[in-house]
PDB file of N, CA and C in Angstrom:
ATOM      1  N   UNK A   1      58.747 -89.453 249.391  1.00  0.00           N
ATOM      2  CA  UNK A   1      58.855 -90.789 248.355  1.00  0.00           C
ATOM      3  C   UNK A   1      57.101 -91.114 248.141  1.00  0.00           C
ATOM      4  N   UNK A   2      56.550 -91.081 249.417  1.00  0.00           N
ATOM      5  CA  UNK A   2      55.051 -91.490 248.816  1.00  0.00           C
ATOM      6  C   UNK A   2      54.223 -90.746 248.094  1.00  0.00           C
ATOM      7  N   UNK A   3      54.568 -89.390 248.235  1.00  0.00           N
ATOM      8  CA  UNK A   3      53.946 -88.359 247.107  1.00  0.00           C
ATOM      9  C   UNK A   3      54.371 -88.384 245.749  1.00  0.00           C
ATOM     10  N   UNK A   4      55.706 -89.051 245.631  1.00  0.00           N
ATOM     11  CA  UNK A   4      56.196 -89.205 244.390  1.00  0.00           C
ATOM     12  C   UNK A   4      55.616 -90.569 243.410  1.00  0.00           C
ATOM     13  N   UNK A   5      54.787 -91.523 244.254  1.00  0.00           N
ATOM     14  CA  UNK A   5      54.033 -92.670 243.445  1.00  0.00           C
ATOM     15  C   UNK A   5      53.227 -92.205 242.510  1.00  0.00           C
ATOM     16  N   UNK A   6      53.237 -92.960 241.395  1.00  0.00           N
ATOM     17  CA  UNK A   6      52.373 -92.550 240.208  1.00  0.00           C
ATOM     18  C   UNK A   6      51.272 -93.185 240.233  1.00  0.00           C
ATOM     19  N   UNK A   7      51.023 -94.313 241.048  1.00  0.00           N
ATOM     20  CA  UNK A   7      49.771 -94.794 241.093  1.00  0.00           C
ATOM     21  C   UNK A   7      49.301 -95.077 242.493  1.00  0.00           C
ATOM     22  N   UNK A   8      48.021 -95.349 242.676  1.00  0.00           N
ATOM     23  CA  UNK A   8      47.666 -95.610 244.034  1.00  0.00           C
ATOM     24  C   UNK A   8      47.773 -97.146 244.619  1.00  0.00           C
ATOM     25  N   UNK A   9      47.904 -97.159 245.784  1.00  0.00           N
ATOM     26  CA  UNK A   9      47.971 -98.376 246.303  1.00  0.00           C
ATOM     27  C   UNK A   9      46.926 -99.110 246.831  1.00  0.00           C
ATOM     28  N   UNK A  10      46.980-100.512 247.154  1.00  0.00           N
ATOM     29  CA  UNK A  10      45.626-101.157 247.499  1.00  0.00           C
ATOM     30  C   UNK A  10      46.037-101.892 248.989  1.00  0.00           C
ATOM     31  N   UNK A  11      47.303-101.849 249.428  1.00  0.00           N
ATOM     32  CA  UNK A  11      47.699-102.262 250.615  1.00  0.00           C
ATOM     33  C   UNK A  11      48.873-101.679 251.243  1.00  0.00           C
ATOM     34  N   UNK A  12      48.994-101.335 252.631  1.00  0.00           N
ATOM     35  CA  UNK A  12      50.293-100.830 253.058  1.00  0.00           C
ATOM     36  C   UNK A  12      50.382-101.855 254.418  1.00  0.00           C
ATOM     37  N   UNK A  13      51.750-102.128 254.737  1.00  0.00           N
ATOM     38  CA  UNK A  13      52.166-102.371 255.988  1.00  0.00           C
ATOM     39  C   UNK A  13      53.231-101.694 256.608  1.00  0.00           C
ATOM     40  N   UNK A  14      52.696-100.865 257.483  1.00  0.00           N
ATOM     41  CA  UNK A  14      53.579 -99.861 258.326  1.00  0.00           C
ATOM     42  C   UNK A  14      54.248-100.428 259.549  1.00  0.00           C
ATOM     43  N   UNK A  15      55.584-100.670 259.012  1.00  0.00           N
ATOM     44  CA  UNK A  15      56.403-101.284 260.146  1.00  0.00           C
ATOM     45  C   UNK A  15      57.532-100.241 260.514  1.00  0.00           C
ATOM     46  N   UNK A  16      57.406 -99.652 261.696  1.00  0.00           N
ATOM     47  CA  UNK A  16      58.570 -98.605 261.963  1.00  0.00           C
ATOM     48  C   UNK A  16      58.771 -98.344 263.549  1.00  0.00           C
ATOM     49  N   UNK A  17      58.503 -99.269 264.472  1.00  0.00           N
ATOM     50  CA  UNK A  17      58.163 -99.181 265.628  1.00  0.00           C
ATOM     51  C   UNK A  17      57.367 -98.158 266.133  1.00  0.00           C
ATOM     52  N   UNK A  18      57.159 -97.837 267.213  1.00  0.00           N
ATOM     53  CA  UNK A  18      56.304 -96.869 267.754  1.00  0.00           C
ATOM     54  C   UNK A  18      56.806 -95.258 267.409  1.00  0.00           C
ATOM     55  N   UNK A  19      55.567 -94.542 267.687  1.00  0.00           N
ATOM     56  CA  UNK A  19      55.940 -93.135 267.565  1.00  0.00           C
ATOM     57  C   UNK A  19      57.019 -92.436 268.566  1.00  0.00           C
ATOM     58  N   UNK A  20      57.372 -93.108 269.747  1.00  0.00           N
ATOM     59  CA  UNK A  20      58.414 -92.691 270.670  1.00  0.00           C
ATOM     60  C   UNK A  20      59.740 -93.157 270.173  1.00  0.00           C
ATOM     61  N   UNK A  21      59.963 -94.420 269.329  1.00  0.00           N
ATOM     62  CA  UNK A  21      61.183 -94.617 269.069  1.00  0.00           C
ATOM     63  C   UNK A  21      61.344 -94.263 267.545  1.00  0.00           C
ATOM     64  N   UNK A  22      60.389 -93.988 266.859  1.00  0.00           N
ATOM     65  CA  UNK A  22      60.588 -93.485 265.487  1.00  0.00           C
ATOM     66  C   UNK A  22      59.563 -92.323 265.059  1.00  0.00           C
ATOM     67  N   UNK A  23      59.800 -91.336 265.679  1.00  0.00           N
ATOM     68  CA  UNK A  23      58.782 -90.215 265.419  1.00  0.00           C
ATOM     69  C   UNK A  23      58.481 -89.795 263.918  1.00  0.00           C
ATOM     70  N   UNK A  24      59.788 -89.776 263.242  1.00  0.00           N
ATOM     71  CA  UNK A  24      59.653 -89.511 261.693  1.00  0.00           C
ATOM     72  C   UNK A  24      58.532 -90.414 260.952  1.00  0.00           C
ATOM     73  N   UNK A  25      58.486 -91.678 261.275  1.00  0.00           N
ATOM     74  CA  UNK A  25      57.699 -92.820 260.580  1.00  0.00           C
ATOM     75  C   UNK A  25      56.230 -92.224 260.570  1.00  0.00           C
ATOM     76  N   UNK A  26      55.642 -91.708 261.819  1.00  0.00           N
ATOM     77  CA  UNK A  26      54.484 -91.677 262.214  1.00  0.00           C
ATOM     78  C   UNK A  26      54.054 -90.008 261.970  1.00  0.00           C
ATOM     79  N   UNK A  27      54.930 -89.283 261.420  1.00  0.00           N
ATOM     80  CA  UNK A  27      54.410 -87.868 261.066  1.00  0.00           C
ATOM     81  C   UNK A  27      52.901 -87.807 260.608  1.00  0.00           C
ATOM     82  N   UNK A  28      52.438 -86.722 260.834  1.00  0.00           N
ATOM     83  CA  UNK A  28      50.809 -86.603 260.592  1.00  0.00           C
ATOM     84  C   UNK A  28      50.920 -86.407 258.985  1.00  0.00           C
ATOM     85  N   UNK A  29      51.807 -85.684 258.410  1.00  0.00           N
ATOM     86  CA  UNK A  29      51.808 -85.422 256.864  1.00  0.00           C
ATOM     87  C   UNK A  29      52.234 -86.673 256.156  1.00  0.00           C
ATOM     88  N   UNK A  30      52.876 -87.761 256.795  1.00  0.00           N
ATOM     89  CA  UNK A  30      53.205 -89.003 256.237  1.00  0.00           C
ATOM     90  C   UNK A  30      51.897 -89.754 256.049  1.00  0.00           C
ATOM     91  N   UNK A  31      51.135 -89.807 257.167  1.00  0.00           N
ATOM     92  CA  UNK A  31      49.837 -90.694 257.431  1.00  0.00           C
ATOM     93  C   UNK A  31      48.913 -89.996 256.142  1.00  0.00           C
ATOM     94  N   UNK A  32      48.895 -88.637 256.232  1.00  0.00           N
ATOM     95  CA  UNK A  32      47.994 -87.987 255.255  1.00  0.00           C
ATOM     96  C   UNK A  32      48.403 -88.373 253.796  1.00  0.00           C
ATOM     97  N   UNK A  33      49.515 -88.482 253.378  1.00  0.00           N
ATOM     98  CA  UNK A  33      49.904 -88.736 252.112  1.00  0.00           C
ATOM     99  C   UNK A  33      49.644 -90.341 251.923  1.00  0.00           C
ATOM    100  N   UNK A  34      49.679 -91.038 252.702  1.00  0.00           N
ATOM    101  CA  UNK A  34      49.441 -92.447 252.466  1.00  0.00           C
ATOM    102  C   UNK A  34      48.097 -92.825 252.316  1.00  0.00           C
ATOM    103  N   UNK A  35      47.375 -91.885 252.926  1.00  0.00           N
ATOM    104  CA  UNK A  35      45.764 -91.753 252.700  1.00  0.00           C
ATOM    105  C   UNK A  35      45.346 -91.202 251.068  1.00  0.00           C
ATOM    106  N   UNK A  36      45.981 -90.363 250.854  1.00  0.00           N
ATOM    107  CA  UNK A  36      45.943 -89.760 249.599  1.00  0.00           C
ATOM    108  C   UNK A  36      46.237 -90.896 248.332  1.00  0.00           C
ATOM    109  N   UNK A  37      47.233 -91.639 248.861  1.00  0.00           N
ATOM    110  CA  UNK A  37      47.583 -92.764 247.729  1.00  0.00           C
ATOM    111  C   UNK A  37      47.078 -94.169 247.851  1.00  0.00           C
ATOM    112  N   UNK A  38      45.957 -93.999 248.646  1.00  0.00           N
ATOM    113  CA  UNK A  38      45.369 -95.479 248.781  1.00  0.00           C
ATOM    114  C   UNK A  38      43.984 -95.463 248.060  1.00  0.00           C
ATOM    115  N   UNK A  39      43.627 -96.506 247.356  1.00  0.00           N
ATOM    116  CA  UNK A  39      42.539 -96.545 246.752  1.00  0.00           C
ATOM    117  C   UNK A  39      41.436 -96.872 247.883  1.00  0.00           C
ATOM    118  N   UNK A  40      40.143 -96.396 247.620  1.00  0.00           N
ATOM    119  CA  UNK A  40      38.824 -96.622 248.616  1.00  0.00           C
ATOM    120  C   UNK A  40      38.601 -98.222 248.647  1.00  0.00           C
ATOM    121  N   UNK A  41      38.597 -98.526 249.683  1.00  0.00           N
ATOM    122  CA  UNK A  41      38.774-100.066 250.057  1.00  0.00           C
ATOM    123  C   UNK A  41      40.121-100.634 250.374  1.00  0.00           C
ATOM    124  N   UNK A  42      41.211 -99.979 249.975  1.00  0.00           N
ATOM    125  CA  UNK A  42      42.401-100.305 250.513  1.00  0.00           C
ATOM    126  C   UNK A  42      42.669-100.438 251.882  1.00  0.00           C
ATOM    127  N   UNK A  43      43.723-101.197 252.301  1.00  0.00           N
ATOM    128  CA  UNK A  43      43.946-101.632 253.435  1.00  0.00           C
ATOM    129  C   UNK A  43      45.214-100.973 254.168  1.00  0.00           C
ATOM    130  N   UNK A  44      45.558-101.065 255.296  1.00  0.00           N
ATOM    131  CA  UNK A  44      46.680-100.701 255.975  1.00  0.00           C
ATOM    132  C   UNK A  44      46.670-101.452 257.319  1.00  0.00           C
ATOM    133  N   UNK A  45      47.918-101.985 257.684  1.00  0.00           N
ATOM    134  CA  UNK A  45      47.991-102.799 259.058  1.00  0.00           C
ATOM    135  C   UNK A  45      49.313-102.297 259.538  1.00  0.00           C
ATOM    136  N   UNK A  46      49.361-102.260 260.931  1.00  0.00           N
ATOM    137  CA  UNK A  46      50.589-102.176 261.530  1.00  0.00           C
ATOM    138  C   UNK A  46      50.466-102.768 263.099  1.00  0.00           C
ATOM    139  N   UNK A  47      51.695-102.967 263.437  1.00  0.00           N
ATOM    140  CA  UNK A  47      51.767-103.467 264.901  1.00  0.00           C
ATOM    141  C   UNK A  47      51.811-102.186 265.894  1.00  0.00           C
ATOM    142  N   UNK A  48      51.769-101.047 265.502  1.00  0.00           N
ATOM    143  CA  UNK A  48      51.822 -99.959 266.224  1.00  0.00           C
ATOM    144  C   UNK A  48      50.404 -99.728 266.573  1.00  0.00           C
ATOM    145  N   UNK A  49      49.994 -99.659 267.902  1.00  0.00           N
ATOM    146  CA  UNK A  49      48.597 -99.521 268.257  1.00  0.00           C
ATOM    147  C   UNK A  49      48.527 -98.210 269.016  1.00  0.00           C
ATOM    148  N   UNK A  50      49.381 -97.285 268.968  1.00  0.00           N
ATOM    149  CA  UNK A  50      49.535 -96.131 269.677  1.00  0.00           C
ATOM    150  C   UNK A  50      48.210 -95.263 269.443  1.00  0.00           C
ATOM    151  N   UNK A  51      47.561 -94.472 270.132  1.00  0.00           N
ATOM    152  CA  UNK A  51      46.763 -93.318 269.914  1.00  0.00           C
ATOM    153  C   UNK A  51      46.889 -92.473 268.841  1.00  0.00           C
ATOM    154  N   UNK A  52      48.493 -92.021 268.919  1.00  0.00           N
ATOM    155  CA  UNK A  52      48.598 -90.940 267.705  1.00  0.00           C
ATOM    156  C   UNK A  52      48.629 -91.649 266.295  1.00  0.00           C
ATOM    157  N   UNK A  53      48.901 -92.913 266.211  1.00  0.00           N
ATOM    158  CA  UNK A  53      49.033 -93.344 264.869  1.00  0.00           C
ATOM    159  C   UNK A  53      47.517 -93.834 264.663  1.00  0.00           C
ATOM    160  N   UNK A  54      46.676 -94.243 265.565  1.00  0.00           N
ATOM    161  CA  UNK A  54      45.316 -94.509 265.425  1.00  0.00           C
ATOM    162  C   UNK A  54      44.565 -92.959 264.906  1.00  0.00           C
ATOM    163  N   UNK A  55      44.898 -92.182 265.409  1.00  0.00           N
ATOM    164  CA  UNK A  55      44.088 -90.937 265.200  1.00  0.00           C
ATOM    165  C   UNK A  55      44.700 -90.334 263.715  1.00  0.00           C
ATOM    166  N   UNK A  56      45.852 -90.639 263.594  1.00  0.00           N
ATOM    167  CA  UNK A  56      46.593 -90.042 262.346  1.00  0.00           C
ATOM    168  C   UNK A  56      45.936 -90.644 260.970  1.00  0.00           C
ATOM    169  N   UNK A  57      45.714 -92.151 261.123  1.00  0.00           N
ATOM    170  CA  UNK A  57      45.076 -92.745 260.024  1.00  0.00           C
ATOM    171  C   UNK A  57      43.603 -92.508 260.106  1.00  0.00           C
ATOM    172  N   UNK A  58      42.988 -92.128 260.983  1.00  0.00           N
ATOM    173  CA  UNK A  58      41.549 -91.835 260.949  1.00  0.00           C
ATOM    174  C   UNK A  58      41.511 -90.316 260.292  1.00  0.00           C
ATOM    175  N   UNK A  59      42.287 -89.599 260.561  1.00  0.00           N
ATOM    176  CA  UNK A  59      42.515 -88.219 259.704  1.00  0.00           C
ATOM    177  C   UNK A  59      42.646 -88.286 258.255  1.00  0.00           C
ATOM    178  N   UNK A  60      43.445 -89.460 258.007  1.00  0.00           N
ATOM    179  CA  UNK A  60      43.916 -89.643 256.565  1.00  0.00           C
ATOM    180  C   UNK A  60      42.763 -90.281 255.853  1.00  0.00           C
ATOM    181  N   UNK A  61      41.518 -90.687 256.499  1.00  0.00           N
ATOM    182  CA  UNK A  61      40.400 -91.280 255.646  1.00  0.00           C
ATOM    183  C   UNK A  61      40.293 -92.514 256.190  1.00  0.00           C
ATOM    184  N   UNK A  62      40.874 -93.187 256.967  1.00  0.00           N
ATOM    185  CA  UNK A  62      40.748 -94.816 257.170  1.00  0.00           C
ATOM    186  C   UNK A  62      39.681 -94.994 258.336  1.00  0.00           C
ATOM    187  N   UNK A  63      38.971 -96.126 258.305  1.00  0.00           N
ATOM    188  CA  UNK A  63      38.540 -96.706 259.201  1.00  0.00           C
ATOM    189  C   UNK A  63      39.396 -97.501 260.236  1.00  0.00           C
ATOM    190  N   UNK A  64      39.540 -97.372 261.244  1.00  0.00           N
ATOM    191  CA  UNK A  64      40.442 -98.064 262.108  1.00  0.00           C
ATOM    192  C   UNK A  64      40.010 -98.960 263.307  1.00  0.00           C
ATOM    193  N   UNK A  65      40.398-100.142 263.274  1.00  0.00           N
ATOM    194  CA  UNK A  65      40.277-101.139 264.408  1.00  0.00           C
ATOM    195  C   UNK A  65      41.305-101.698 265.038  1.00  0.00           C
ATOM    196  N   UNK A  66      41.567-102.170 266.194  1.00  0.00           N
ATOM    197  CA  UNK A  66      42.469-102.743 267.139  1.00  0.00           C
ATOM    198  C   UNK A  66      42.050-104.292 266.991  1.00  0.00           C
ATOM    199  N   UNK A  67      42.990-105.265 266.900  1.00  0.00           N
ATOM    200  CA  UNK A  67      42.688-106.541 266.860  1.00  0.00           C
ATOM    201  C   UNK A  67      43.582-107.263 267.552  1.00  0.00           C
ATOM    202  N   UNK A  68      43.406-108.528 268.132  1.00  0.00           N
ATOM    203  CA  UNK A  68      44.411-109.275 268.645  1.00  0.00           C
ATOM    204  C   UNK A  68      45.735-109.428 267.696  1.00  0.00           C
ATOM    205  N   UNK A  69      46.967-109.267 268.278  1.00  0.00           N
ATOM    206  CA  UNK A  69      48.047-109.520 267.581  1.00  0.00           C
ATOM    207  C   UNK A  69      48.200-111.269 267.483  1.00  0.00           C
ATOM    208  N   UNK A  70      49.425-111.458 266.768  1.00  0.00           N
ATOM    209  CA  UNK A  70      49.976-112.644 266.567  1.00  0.00           C
ATOM    210  C   UNK A  70      51.424-112.622 266.572  1.00  0.00           C
ATOM    211  N   UNK A  71      52.033-113.976 266.701  1.00  0.00           N
ATOM    212  CA  UNK A  71      53.660-113.954 266.507  1.00  0.00           C
ATOM    213  C   UNK A  71      54.139-113.121 267.682  1.00  0.00           C
ATOM    214  N   UNK A  72      53.534-113.162 268.634  1.00  0.00           N
ATOM    215  CA  UNK A  72      54.240-112.524 269.770  1.00  0.00           C
ATOM    216  C   UNK A  72      53.732-110.943 270.206  1.00  0.00           C
ATOM    217  N   UNK A  73      53.082-110.481 269.221  1.00  0.00           N
ATOM    218  CA  UNK A  73      52.414-109.224 269.458  1.00  0.00           C
ATOM    219  C   UNK A  73      51.169-109.148 269.932  1.00  0.00           C
ATOM    220  N   UNK A  74      50.969-108.209 270.941  1.00  0.00           N
ATOM    221  CA  UNK A  74      49.870-108.194 271.828  1.00  0.00           C
ATOM    222  C   UNK A  74      48.595-107.830 270.889  1.00  0.00           C
ATOM    223  N   UNK A  75      48.657-106.709 270.185  1.00  0.00           N
ATOM    224  CA  UNK A  75      47.710-106.120 269.343  1.00  0.00           C
ATOM    225  C   UNK A  75      48.144-105.721 267.869  1.00  0.00           C
ATOM    226  N   UNK A  76      47.316-105.365 266.905  1.00  0.00           N
ATOM    227  CA  UNK A  76      47.508-104.941 265.642  1.00  0.00           C
ATOM    228  C   UNK A  76      46.495-103.862 265.426  1.00  0.00           C
ATOM    229  N   UNK A  77      46.810-102.851 264.525  1.00  0.00           N
ATOM    230  CA  UNK A  77      45.938-102.016 263.899  1.00  0.00           C
ATOM    231  C   UNK A  77      45.657-102.558 262.644  1.00  0.00           C
ATOM    232  N   UNK A  78      43.968-102.571 262.295  1.00  0.00           N
ATOM    233  CA  UNK A  78      43.820-102.710 260.872  1.00  0.00           C
ATOM    234  C   UNK A  78      43.031-101.460 260.443  1.00  0.00           C
ATOM    235  N   UNK A  79      43.119-101.027 259.173  1.00  0.00           N
ATOM    236  CA  UNK A  79      42.619 -99.921 258.778  1.00  0.00           C
ATOM    237  C   UNK A  79      42.174-100.056 257.266  1.00  0.00           C
ATOM    238  N   UNK A  80      40.865 -99.608 257.056  1.00  0.00           N
ATOM    239  CA  UNK A  80      40.409 -99.596 255.639  1.00  0.00           C
ATOM    240  C   UNK A  80      40.083 -98.211 255.053  1.00  0.00           C
ATOM    241  N   UNK A  81      40.493 -97.820 254.097  1.00  0.00           N
ATOM    242  CA  UNK A  81      40.194 -96.509 253.457  1.00  0.00           C
ATOM    243  C   UNK A  81      38.849 -96.263 252.843  1.00  0.00           C
ATOM    244  N   UNK A  82      38.191 -95.437 253.622  1.00  0.00           N
ATOM    245  CA  UNK A  82      36.847 -95.103 253.282  1.00  0.00           C
ATOM    246  C   UNK A  82      36.546 -94.562 251.998  1.00  0.00           C
TER     247      UNK A  82
END
């Protein structure tokens, strides 16, 4: 579905539990497609801080940082498309 988008996105919120519970959400191919459909300076955020997700977003062209969470979540990932 991501590849079928006709325009690029400025922001994504990726919510699909962690890779252990929902591996299809965090497939490398999907993260690359999200990177391709994100404008330069576009953002991405997720409560999933697994290393696999962090590395996937970096490979997709994002600069990634882990920040303190909120709403009962310990940490979040924030990413900006380079």
